[in-house]
Amino acid sequence: MPHESYYKWFSPRLNREMELLVYGDRGAPVIVFPTSGARFYEWKDFLMIDALADKIDAGYVQLFCVDSVSLESWYNDYSHPRERVMRHNQWEAYLKDELIPFIRAYNSNGFLITVGTSFGAYLAVNFALKNPELVRKTIGMSGAYSIERMLEGYYDDDCYFNCPVAYVPNLSDHQLLTAIRGMEINLVTSDWDVGICRESTYQMSKALDTKSIGHKLDDWPDHTGHDWPYWRHMIRSYL
């Protein structure tokens, strides 16, 4: 197991404490986004850290495993969809205004990467597309890139700008598009991926194509499914 460091601080953007695990001491910094309802130790529990141990120990990458608020946002069935999307936006503000400055102070390597599997893939890719001035590479494995199904028919501008299959085809800002086109984008699915995720990965690829945004679309064969044993094998091709 690579060297592990634990951090916790009170986030003024979220008005709660947020926890973090860091693996490694150098290399390209990688923000690891958890799956739906999961915590910051998910990649440790499901042996993703072990799968990358040699690359972490060799100093190629340094992983920052963030905590999630998805049970307070997208998966909070007890709140109005408007409150869900606003809580998600507060979490993204925590990432941008608190976590990334922490990473910059911790690691001088400017090549920031975002990565996630399943719902974490959506979180990683959406954040990268909205912040291409910060993120140099993003990896979405087995993701679904629309949140409309979680909004019970509600939809506003904040929802729209968290739905990359919707907002990417309509991007017009030259500076933003240039930054996105300069980012390495990896969309990954497989032949036995969950139906909505495989379909949505292809939809995301088409959305990028509409704006001539270069990216890599990988569809893994040989009965590769939507689960951790597959992702442990797949991740080594992208990090």
C-alpha atoms as a PDB file:
ATOM      1  CA  MET A   1       0.000   0.000   0.000  1.00  0.00           C
ATOM      2  CA  PRO A   2       1.419   3.429  -0.959  1.00  0.00           C
ATOM      3  CA  HIS A   3       1.977   6.051   1.708  1.00  0.00           C
ATOM      4  CA  GLU A   4      -1.379   7.372   2.952  1.00  0.00           C
ATOM      5  CA  SER A   5      -2.111  10.766   4.516  1.00  0.00           C
ATOM      6  CA  TYR A   6      -5.429  11.813   6.048  1.00  0.00           C
ATOM      7  CA  TYR A   7      -6.727  15.391   6.168  1.00  0.00           C
ATOM      8  CA  LYS A   8      -9.871  17.072   7.438  1.00  0.00           C
ATOM      9  CA  TRP A   9     -10.977  20.678   7.587  1.00  0.00           C
ATOM     10  CA  PHE A  10     -14.145  22.692   7.998  1.00  0.00           C
ATOM     11  CA  SER A  11     -15.414  23.865   4.625  1.00  0.00           C
ATOM     12  CA  PRO A  12     -17.067  27.304   4.677  1.00  0.00           C
ATOM     13  CA  ARG A  13     -18.583  26.595   1.248  1.00  0.00           C
ATOM     14  CA  LEU A  14     -20.365  23.498   2.545  1.00  0.00           C
ATOM     15  CA  ASN A  15     -20.672  24.499   6.220  1.00  0.00           C
ATOM     16  CA  ARG A  16     -19.392  21.100   7.330  1.00  0.00           C
ATOM     17  CA  GLU A  17     -16.184  19.166   7.772  1.00  0.00           C
ATOM     18  CA  MET A  18     -14.736  17.462   4.709  1.00  0.00           C
ATOM     19  CA  GLU A  19     -12.280  14.570   4.732  1.00  0.00           C
ATOM     20  CA  LEU A  20      -9.573  13.551   2.299  1.00  0.00           C
ATOM     21  CA  LEU A  21      -7.055  10.762   1.709  1.00  0.00           C
ATOM     22  CA  VAL A  22      -3.824  11.405  -0.208  1.00  0.00           C
ATOM     23  CA  TYR A  23      -1.707   8.628  -1.695  1.00  0.00           C
ATOM     24  CA  GLY A  24       1.872   9.217  -2.764  1.00  0.00           C
ATOM     25  CA  ASP A  25       4.210  12.177  -2.379  1.00  0.00           C
ATOM     26  CA  ARG A  26       4.772  13.417  -5.935  1.00  0.00           C
ATOM     27  CA  GLY A  27       3.688  13.092  -9.557  1.00  0.00           C
ATOM     28  CA  ALA A  28       0.697  14.420 -11.462  1.00  0.00           C
ATOM     29  CA  PRO A  29      -2.057  15.250  -8.948  1.00  0.00           C
ATOM     30  CA  VAL A  30      -5.246  13.240  -9.481  1.00  0.00           C
ATOM     31  CA  ILE A  31      -8.606  14.126  -7.928  1.00  0.00           C
ATOM     32  CA  VAL A  32     -10.522  10.880  -7.408  1.00  0.00           C
ATOM     33  CA  PHE A  33     -14.301  11.349  -7.501  1.00  0.00           C
ATOM     34  CA  PRO A  34     -16.422   8.785  -5.594  1.00  0.00           C
ATOM     35  CA  THR A  35     -19.436   6.917  -6.916  1.00  0.00           C
ATOM     36  CA  SER A  36     -23.010   7.696  -5.851  1.00  0.00           C
ATOM     37  CA  GLY A  37     -23.311   8.031  -2.082  1.00  0.00           C
ATOM     38  CA  ALA A  38     -19.733   6.874  -1.520  1.00  0.00           C
ATOM     39  CA  ARG A  39     -17.021   8.286   0.715  1.00  0.00           C
ATOM     40  CA  PHE A  40     -13.415   9.383   0.344  1.00  0.00           C
ATOM     41  CA  TYR A  41     -12.062   5.923   1.253  1.00  0.00           C
ATOM     42  CA  GLU A  42     -13.953   4.112  -1.527  1.00  0.00           C
ATOM     43  CA  TRP A  43     -10.935   3.588  -3.803  1.00  0.00           C
ATOM     44  CA  LYS A  44      -8.982   2.197  -0.869  1.00  0.00           C
ATOM     45  CA  ASP A  45     -11.782  -0.201   0.088  1.00  0.00           C
ATOM     46  CA  PHE A  46     -12.228  -1.462  -3.486  1.00  0.00           C
ATOM     47  CA  LEU A  47      -8.474  -1.930  -4.044  1.00  0.00           C
ATOM     48  CA  MET A  48      -8.106   0.739  -6.711  1.00  0.00           C
ATOM     49  CA  ILE A  49      -5.174   2.170  -4.750  1.00  0.00           C
ATOM     50  CA  ASP A  50      -3.562  -1.264  -4.731  1.00  0.00           C
ATOM     51  CA  ALA A  51      -4.074  -1.521  -8.503  1.00  0.00           C
ATOM     52  CA  LEU A  52      -2.074   1.690  -8.962  1.00  0.00           C
ATOM     53  CA  ALA A  53       0.435   1.146  -6.152  1.00  0.00           C
ATOM     54  CA  ASP A  54       3.489   0.786  -8.389  1.00  0.00           C
ATOM     55  CA  LYS A  55       2.680   3.972 -10.307  1.00  0.00           C
ATOM     56  CA  ILE A  56       2.027   5.908  -7.097  1.00  0.00           C
ATOM     57  CA  ASP A  57       5.223   4.652  -5.459  1.00  0.00           C
ATOM     58  CA  ALA A  58       7.222   5.457  -8.603  1.00  0.00           C
ATOM     59  CA  GLY A  59       6.008   9.063  -8.456  1.00  0.00           C
ATOM     60  CA  TYR A  60       3.958   9.101 -11.642  1.00  0.00           C
ATOM     61  CA  VAL A  61       0.718  10.122  -9.923  1.00  0.00           C
ATOM     62  CA  GLN A  62      -0.441  11.370  -6.548  1.00  0.00           C
ATOM     63  CA  LEU A  63      -4.078  10.618  -5.690  1.00  0.00           C
ATOM     64  CA  PHE A  64      -6.361  12.968  -3.754  1.00  0.00           C
ATOM     65  CA  CYS A  65      -9.472  10.973  -2.820  1.00  0.00           C
ATOM     66  CA  VAL A  66     -12.218  13.480  -2.034  1.00  0.00           C
ATOM     67  CA  ASP A  67     -15.363  13.096  -0.006  1.00  0.00           C
ATOM     68  CA  SER A  68     -18.790  13.362  -1.574  1.00  0.00           C
ATOM     69  CA  VAL A  69     -21.998  15.193  -0.701  1.00  0.00           C
ATOM     70  CA  SER A  70     -24.122  13.356  -3.261  1.00  0.00           C
ATOM     71  CA  LEU A  71     -26.466  12.073  -0.534  1.00  0.00           C
ATOM     72  CA  GLU A  72     -27.124  15.744   0.242  1.00  0.00           C
ATOM     73  CA  SER A  73     -27.426  16.718  -3.423  1.00  0.00           C
ATOM     74  CA  TRP A  74     -28.399  14.496  -6.360  1.00  0.00           C
ATOM     75  CA  TYR A  75     -29.451  11.530  -4.211  1.00  0.00           C
ATOM     76  CA  ASN A  76     -31.330  13.471  -1.545  1.00  0.00           C
ATOM     77  CA  ASP A  77     -34.914  12.471  -2.266  1.00  0.00           C
ATOM     78  CA  TYR A  78     -36.144  14.565   0.667  1.00  0.00           C
ATOM     79  CA  SER A  79     -35.105  17.889  -0.865  1.00  0.00           C
ATOM     80  CA  HIS A  80     -36.437  19.804  -3.851  1.00  0.00           C
ATOM     81  CA  PRO A  81     -34.389  19.301  -7.044  1.00  0.00           C
ATOM     82  CA  ARG A  82     -33.441  22.989  -6.901  1.00  0.00           C
ATOM     83  CA  GLU A  83     -31.850  22.419  -3.486  1.00  0.00           C
ATOM     84  CA  ARG A  84     -30.062  19.327  -4.819  1.00  0.00           C
ATOM     85  CA  VAL A  85     -28.366  21.158  -7.672  1.00  0.00           C
ATOM     86  CA  MET A  86     -27.416  24.093  -5.440  1.00  0.00           C
ATOM     87  CA  ARG A  87     -25.810  21.711  -2.930  1.00  0.00           C
ATOM     88  CA  HIS A  88     -23.848  20.157  -5.769  1.00  0.00           C
ATOM     89  CA  ASN A  89     -22.683  23.595  -6.896  1.00  0.00           C
ATOM     90  CA  GLN A  90     -21.525  24.338  -3.348  1.00  0.00           C
ATOM     91  CA  TRP A  91     -19.505  21.116  -3.435  1.00  0.00           C
ATOM     92  CA  GLU A  92     -17.887  22.125  -6.723  1.00  0.00           C
ATOM     93  CA  ALA A  93     -17.026  25.471  -5.125  1.00  0.00           C
ATOM     94  CA  TYR A  94     -15.338  23.532  -2.313  1.00  0.00           C
ATOM     95  CA  LEU A  95     -13.319  21.613  -4.902  1.00  0.00           C
ATOM     96  CA  LYS A  96     -12.319  24.726  -6.838  1.00  0.00           C
ATOM     97  CA  ASP A  97     -11.753  27.195  -4.001  1.00  0.00           C
ATOM     98  CA  GLU A  98     -10.538  24.936  -1.190  1.00  0.00           C
ATOM     99  CA  LEU A  99      -9.325  21.564  -2.438  1.00  0.00           C
ATOM    100  CA  ILE A 100      -7.367  22.686  -5.506  1.00  0.00           C
ATOM    101  CA  PRO A 101      -5.478  25.419  -3.588  1.00  0.00           C
ATOM    102  CA  PHE A 102      -4.639  22.721  -1.023  1.00  0.00           C
ATOM    103  CA  ILE A 103      -3.363  20.490  -3.846  1.00  0.00           C
ATOM    104  CA  ARG A 104      -1.311  23.338  -5.317  1.00  0.00           C
ATOM    105  CA  ALA A 105       0.339  23.955  -1.945  1.00  0.00           C
ATOM    106  CA  TYR A 106       0.940  20.233  -1.523  1.00  0.00           C
ATOM    107  CA  ASN A 107       2.178  19.464  -5.042  1.00  0.00           C
ATOM    108  CA  SER A 108       3.861  21.842  -7.514  1.00  0.00           C
ATOM    109  CA  ASN A 109       3.039  19.648 -10.529  1.00  0.00           C
ATOM    110  CA  GLY A 110       0.481  21.625 -12.554  1.00  0.00           C
ATOM    111  CA  PHE A 111      -0.868  18.704 -14.595  1.00  0.00           C
ATOM    112  CA  LEU A 112      -4.144  18.176 -12.710  1.00  0.00           C
ATOM    113  CA  ILE A 113      -6.208  15.067 -13.563  1.00  0.00           C
ATOM    114  CA  THR A 114      -9.787  14.178 -12.603  1.00  0.00           C
ATOM    115  CA  VAL A 115     -11.011  10.593 -12.594  1.00  0.00           C
ATOM    116  CA  GLY A 116     -14.054   8.614 -11.543  1.00  0.00           C
ATOM    117  CA  THR A 117     -16.071   5.481 -12.173  1.00  0.00           C
ATOM    118  CA  SER A 118     -19.857   5.209 -12.564  1.00  0.00           C
ATOM    119  CA  PHE A 119     -21.394   8.342 -10.973  1.00  0.00           C
ATOM    120  CA  GLY A 120     -17.866   9.454 -10.167  1.00  0.00           C
ATOM    121  CA  ALA A 121     -17.159   9.512 -13.904  1.00  0.00           C
ATOM    122  CA  TYR A 122     -19.934  12.055 -14.369  1.00  0.00           C
ATOM    123  CA  LEU A 123     -18.600  14.152 -11.480  1.00  0.00           C
ATOM    124  CA  ALA A 124     -15.031  14.044 -12.813  1.00  0.00           C
ATOM    125  CA  VAL A 125     -15.835  14.858 -16.437  1.00  0.00           C
ATOM    126  CA  ASN A 126     -18.444  17.519 -15.634  1.00  0.00           C
ATOM    127  CA  PHE A 127     -16.042  19.316 -13.301  1.00  0.00           C
ATOM    128  CA  ALA A 128     -13.252  19.160 -15.881  1.00  0.00           C
ATOM    129  CA  LEU A 129     -15.408  20.517 -18.708  1.00  0.00           C
ATOM    130  CA  LYS A 130     -16.546  23.403 -16.514  1.00  0.00           C
ATOM    131  CA  ASN A 131     -13.007  24.164 -15.324  1.00  0.00           C
ATOM    132  CA  PRO A 132     -10.626  23.458 -18.229  1.00  0.00           C
ATOM    133  CA  GLU A 133      -8.297  26.222 -17.052  1.00  0.00           C
ATOM    134  CA  LEU A 134      -7.567  24.027 -14.022  1.00  0.00           C
ATOM    135  CA  VAL A 135      -7.820  20.453 -15.337  1.00  0.00           C
ATOM    136  CA  ARG A 136      -5.425  19.067 -17.940  1.00  0.00           C
ATOM    137  CA  LYS A 137      -6.806  15.524 -18.217  1.00  0.00           C
ATOM    138  CA  THR A 138     -10.033  13.770 -17.290  1.00  0.00           C
ATOM    139  CA  ILE A 139     -11.015  10.098 -17.202  1.00  0.00           C
ATOM    140  CA  GLY A 140     -14.623   8.914 -17.011  1.00  0.00           C
ATOM    141  CA  MET A 141     -15.117   5.164 -16.721  1.00  0.00           C
ATOM    142  CA  SER A 142     -18.656   3.750 -17.057  1.00  0.00           C
ATOM    143  CA  GLY A 143     -20.336   7.107 -16.590  1.00  0.00           C
ATOM    144  CA  ALA A 144     -23.721   8.638 -17.415  1.00  0.00           C
ATOM    145  CA  TYR A 145     -23.432  12.304 -18.341  1.00  0.00           C
ATOM    146  CA  SER A 146     -26.936  13.621 -17.742  1.00  0.00           C
ATOM    147  CA  ILE A 147     -28.666  14.279 -14.409  1.00  0.00           C
ATOM    148  CA  GLU A 148     -32.170  14.906 -15.785  1.00  0.00           C
ATOM    149  CA  ARG A 149     -33.353  11.510 -14.508  1.00  0.00           C
ATOM    150  CA  MET A 150     -32.635  12.717 -10.948  1.00  0.00           C
ATOM    151  CA  LEU A 151     -34.635  15.935 -11.124  1.00  0.00           C
ATOM    152  CA  GLU A 152     -38.237  14.643 -11.224  1.00  0.00           C
ATOM    153  CA  GLY A 153     -39.082  16.890 -14.152  1.00  0.00           C
ATOM    154  CA  TYR A 154     -37.509  20.022 -12.679  1.00  0.00           C
ATOM    155  CA  TYR A 155     -34.964  21.831 -14.863  1.00  0.00           C
ATOM    156  CA  ASP A 156     -33.333  25.251 -14.646  1.00  0.00           C
ATOM    157  CA  ASP A 157     -30.092  26.887 -15.792  1.00  0.00           C
ATOM    158  CA  ASP A 158     -28.079  25.370 -12.941  1.00  0.00           C
ATOM    159  CA  CYS A 159     -29.374  21.924 -13.862  1.00  0.00           C
ATOM    160  CA  TYR A 160     -28.553  22.561 -17.517  1.00  0.00           C
ATOM    161  CA  PHE A 161     -24.985  23.574 -16.720  1.00  0.00           C
ATOM    162  CA  ASN A 162     -24.498  20.320 -14.820  1.00  0.00           C
ATOM    163  CA  CYS A 163     -25.667  18.228 -17.755  1.00  0.00           C
ATOM    164  CA  PRO A 164     -22.676  18.043 -20.136  1.00  0.00           C
ATOM    165  CA  VAL A 165     -24.476  16.160 -22.907  1.00  0.00           C
ATOM    166  CA  ALA A 166     -26.790  19.204 -23.027  1.00  0.00           C
ATOM    167  CA  TYR A 167     -24.481  22.177 -22.545  1.00  0.00           C
ATOM    168  CA  VAL A 168     -21.401  21.074 -24.510  1.00  0.00           C
ATOM    169  CA  PRO A 169     -23.092  21.224 -27.974  1.00  0.00           C
ATOM    170  CA  ASN A 170     -24.139  24.809 -27.235  1.00  0.00           C
ATOM    171  CA  LEU A 171     -20.789  26.147 -26.063  1.00  0.00           C
ATOM    172  CA  SER A 172     -19.756  29.248 -27.990  1.00  0.00           C
ATOM    173  CA  ASP A 173     -17.109  30.981 -25.878  1.00  0.00           C
ATOM    174  CA  HIS A 174     -13.900  30.741 -27.910  1.00  0.00           C
ATOM    175  CA  GLN A 175     -11.582  30.907 -24.904  1.00  0.00           C
ATOM    176  CA  LEU A 176     -13.491  28.183 -23.073  1.00  0.00           C
ATOM    177  CA  LEU A 177     -13.604  25.928 -26.121  1.00  0.00           C
ATOM    178  CA  THR A 178      -9.879  26.415 -26.730  1.00  0.00           C
ATOM    179  CA  ALA A 179      -9.154  25.380 -23.150  1.00  0.00           C
ATOM    180  CA  ILE A 180     -11.381  22.306 -23.405  1.00  0.00           C
ATOM    181  CA  ARG A 181      -9.794  21.317 -26.707  1.00  0.00           C
ATOM    182  CA  GLY A 182      -6.408  21.475 -25.003  1.00  0.00           C
ATOM    183  CA  MET A 183      -7.460  18.953 -22.367  1.00  0.00           C
ATOM    184  CA  GLU A 184      -6.974  15.192 -22.655  1.00  0.00           C
ATOM    185  CA  ILE A 185     -10.425  13.587 -22.383  1.00  0.00           C
ATOM    186  CA  ASN A 186     -10.919   9.844 -21.925  1.00  0.00           C
ATOM    187  CA  LEU A 187     -14.427   8.351 -22.070  1.00  0.00           C
ATOM    188  CA  VAL A 188     -14.471   4.666 -21.225  1.00  0.00           C
ATOM    189  CA  THR A 189     -17.246   2.083 -21.426  1.00  0.00           C
ATOM    190  CA  SER A 190     -17.508  -1.635 -22.157  1.00  0.00           C
ATOM    191  CA  ASP A 191     -19.636  -4.271 -23.796  1.00  0.00           C
ATOM    192  CA  TRP A 192     -21.242  -5.336 -20.498  1.00  0.00           C
ATOM    193  CA  ASP A 193     -21.478  -1.866 -18.988  1.00  0.00           C
ATOM    194  CA  VAL A 194     -24.798  -0.877 -17.419  1.00  0.00           C
ATOM    195  CA  GLY A 195     -27.139   0.118 -20.277  1.00  0.00           C
ATOM    196  CA  ILE A 196     -27.594   3.797 -19.449  1.00  0.00           C
ATOM    197  CA  CYS A 197     -23.850   4.273 -18.908  1.00  0.00           C
ATOM    198  CA  ARG A 198     -22.754   2.736 -22.187  1.00  0.00           C
ATOM    199  CA  GLU A 199     -25.351   4.700 -24.132  1.00  0.00           C
ATOM    200  CA  SER A 200     -24.566   7.926 -22.308  1.00  0.00           C
ATOM    201  CA  THR A 201     -20.829   7.548 -22.902  1.00  0.00           C
ATOM    202  CA  TYR A 202     -21.508   7.461 -26.630  1.00  0.00           C
ATOM    203  CA  GLN A 203     -23.834  10.473 -26.285  1.00  0.00           C
ATOM    204  CA  MET A 204     -21.091  12.372 -24.487  1.00  0.00           C
ATOM    205  CA  SER A 205     -18.666  11.508 -27.268  1.00  0.00           C
ATOM    206  CA  LYS A 206     -21.105  12.821 -29.887  1.00  0.00           C
ATOM    207  CA  ALA A 207     -21.595  16.020 -27.890  1.00  0.00           C
ATOM    208  CA  LEU A 208     -17.842  16.607 -27.904  1.00  0.00           C
ATOM    209  CA  ASP A 209     -17.703  15.884 -31.622  1.00  0.00           C
ATOM    210  CA  THR A 210     -20.237  18.645 -32.304  1.00  0.00           C
ATOM    211  CA  LYS A 211     -17.647  21.153 -31.084  1.00  0.00           C
ATOM    212  CA  SER A 212     -14.613  19.435 -32.593  1.00  0.00           C
ATOM    213  CA  ILE A 213     -13.322  18.604 -29.131  1.00  0.00           C
ATOM    214  CA  GLY A 214     -10.780  15.837 -29.438  1.00  0.00           C
ATOM    215  CA  HIS A 215     -11.161  12.918 -27.070  1.00  0.00           C
ATOM    216  CA  LYS A 216     -10.628   9.202 -26.735  1.00  0.00           C
ATOM    217  CA  LEU A 217     -13.639   6.864 -26.643  1.00  0.00           C
ATOM    218  CA  ASP A 218     -12.781   3.350 -25.516  1.00  0.00           C
ATOM    219  CA  ASP A 219     -15.305   0.497 -25.537  1.00  0.00           C
ATOM    220  CA  TRP A 220     -13.743  -2.496 -23.805  1.00  0.00           C
ATOM    221  CA  PRO A 221     -14.741  -5.929 -25.193  1.00  0.00           C
ATOM    222  CA  ASP A 222     -14.687  -9.479 -23.748  1.00  0.00           C
ATOM    223  CA  HIS A 223     -17.610  -9.165 -21.328  1.00  0.00           C
ATOM    224  CA  THR A 224     -16.123  -6.259 -19.414  1.00  0.00           C
ATOM    225  CA  GLY A 225     -18.733  -5.128 -16.912  1.00  0.00           C
ATOM    226  CA  HIS A 226     -19.707  -2.303 -14.580  1.00  0.00           C
ATOM    227  CA  ASP A 227     -17.861  -3.287 -11.417  1.00  0.00           C
ATOM    228  CA  TRP A 228     -14.659  -2.783  -9.464  1.00  0.00           C
ATOM    229  CA  PRO A 229     -12.686  -5.820 -10.705  1.00  0.00           C
ATOM    230  CA  TYR A 230     -13.031  -4.481 -14.251  1.00  0.00           C
ATOM    231  CA  TRP A 231     -12.228  -0.912 -13.250  1.00  0.00           C
ATOM    232  CA  ARG A 232      -9.104  -2.046 -11.378  1.00  0.00           C
ATOM    233  CA  HIS A 233      -7.868  -3.531 -14.637  1.00  0.00           C
ATOM    234  CA  MET A 234      -8.990  -0.629 -16.824  1.00  0.00           C
ATOM    235  CA  ILE A 235      -7.555   2.202 -14.738  1.00  0.00           C
ATOM    236  CA  ARG A 236      -3.987   1.179 -15.421  1.00  0.00           C
ATOM    237  CA  SER A 237      -4.462   2.110 -19.083  1.00  0.00           C
ATOM    238  CA  TYR A 238      -5.337   5.722 -18.211  1.00  0.00           C
ATOM    239  CA  LEU A 239      -3.249   6.666 -15.149  1.00  0.00           C
END
